[in-house]
Amino acid sequence: AAWAFDHITQSYLVRYIDTISMGIGACLG
């Protein structure tokens, strides 16, 4: 229900932010 949705959303956001951070790190060298 709500907790499951929150868990999935948080996992997705963490993965998304981690990917963005890696991209920025690669650009900055």
C-alpha atoms as a PDB file:
ATOM      1  CA  ALA A   1       0.000   0.000   0.000  1.00  0.00           C
ATOM      2  CA  ALA A   2       1.332   3.441   0.928  1.00  0.00           C
ATOM      3  CA  TRP A   3       4.499   2.145   2.607  1.00  0.00           C
ATOM      4  CA  ALA A   4       5.256  -0.060  -0.398  1.00  0.00           C
ATOM      5  CA  PHE A   5       4.777   2.887  -2.750  1.00  0.00           C
ATOM      6  CA  ASP A   6       7.048   5.066  -0.599  1.00  0.00           C
ATOM      7  CA  HIS A   7       9.701   2.345  -0.515  1.00  0.00           C
ATOM      8  CA  ILE A   8       9.668   1.949  -4.298  1.00  0.00           C
ATOM      9  CA  THR A   9       9.690   5.719  -4.809  1.00  0.00           C
ATOM     10  CA  GLN A  10      12.615   6.198  -2.429  1.00  0.00           C
ATOM     11  CA  SER A  11      14.568   3.394  -4.092  1.00  0.00           C
ATOM     12  CA  TYR A  12      13.924   4.934  -7.516  1.00  0.00           C
ATOM     13  CA  LEU A  13      14.911   8.414  -6.348  1.00  0.00           C
ATOM     14  CA  VAL A  14      18.097   7.114  -4.724  1.00  0.00           C
ATOM     15  CA  ARG A  15      19.031   5.288  -7.930  1.00  0.00           C
ATOM     16  CA  TYR A  16      18.147   8.348 -10.040  1.00  0.00           C
ATOM     17  CA  ILE A  17      20.137  10.768  -7.864  1.00  0.00           C
ATOM     18  CA  ASP A  18      23.071   8.347  -7.756  1.00  0.00           C
ATOM     19  CA  THR A  19      23.078   8.179 -11.559  1.00  0.00           C
ATOM     20  CA  ILE A  20      22.967  11.980 -11.834  1.00  0.00           C
ATOM     21  CA  SER A  21      25.812  12.286  -9.320  1.00  0.00           C
ATOM     22  CA  MET A  22      27.921   9.825 -11.311  1.00  0.00           C
ATOM     23  CA  GLY A  23      27.192  11.784 -14.487  1.00  0.00           C
ATOM     24  CA  ILE A  24      28.224  15.060 -12.869  1.00  0.00           C
ATOM     25  CA  GLY A  25      31.355  13.426 -11.461  1.00  0.00           C
ATOM     26  CA  ALA A  26      32.272  12.142 -14.913  1.00  0.00           C
ATOM     27  CA  CYS A  27      31.778  15.599 -16.429  1.00  0.00           C
ATOM     28  CA  LEU A  28      33.913  17.236 -13.757  1.00  0.00           C
ATOM     29  CA  GLY A  29      36.529  14.526 -14.129  1.00  0.00           C
END
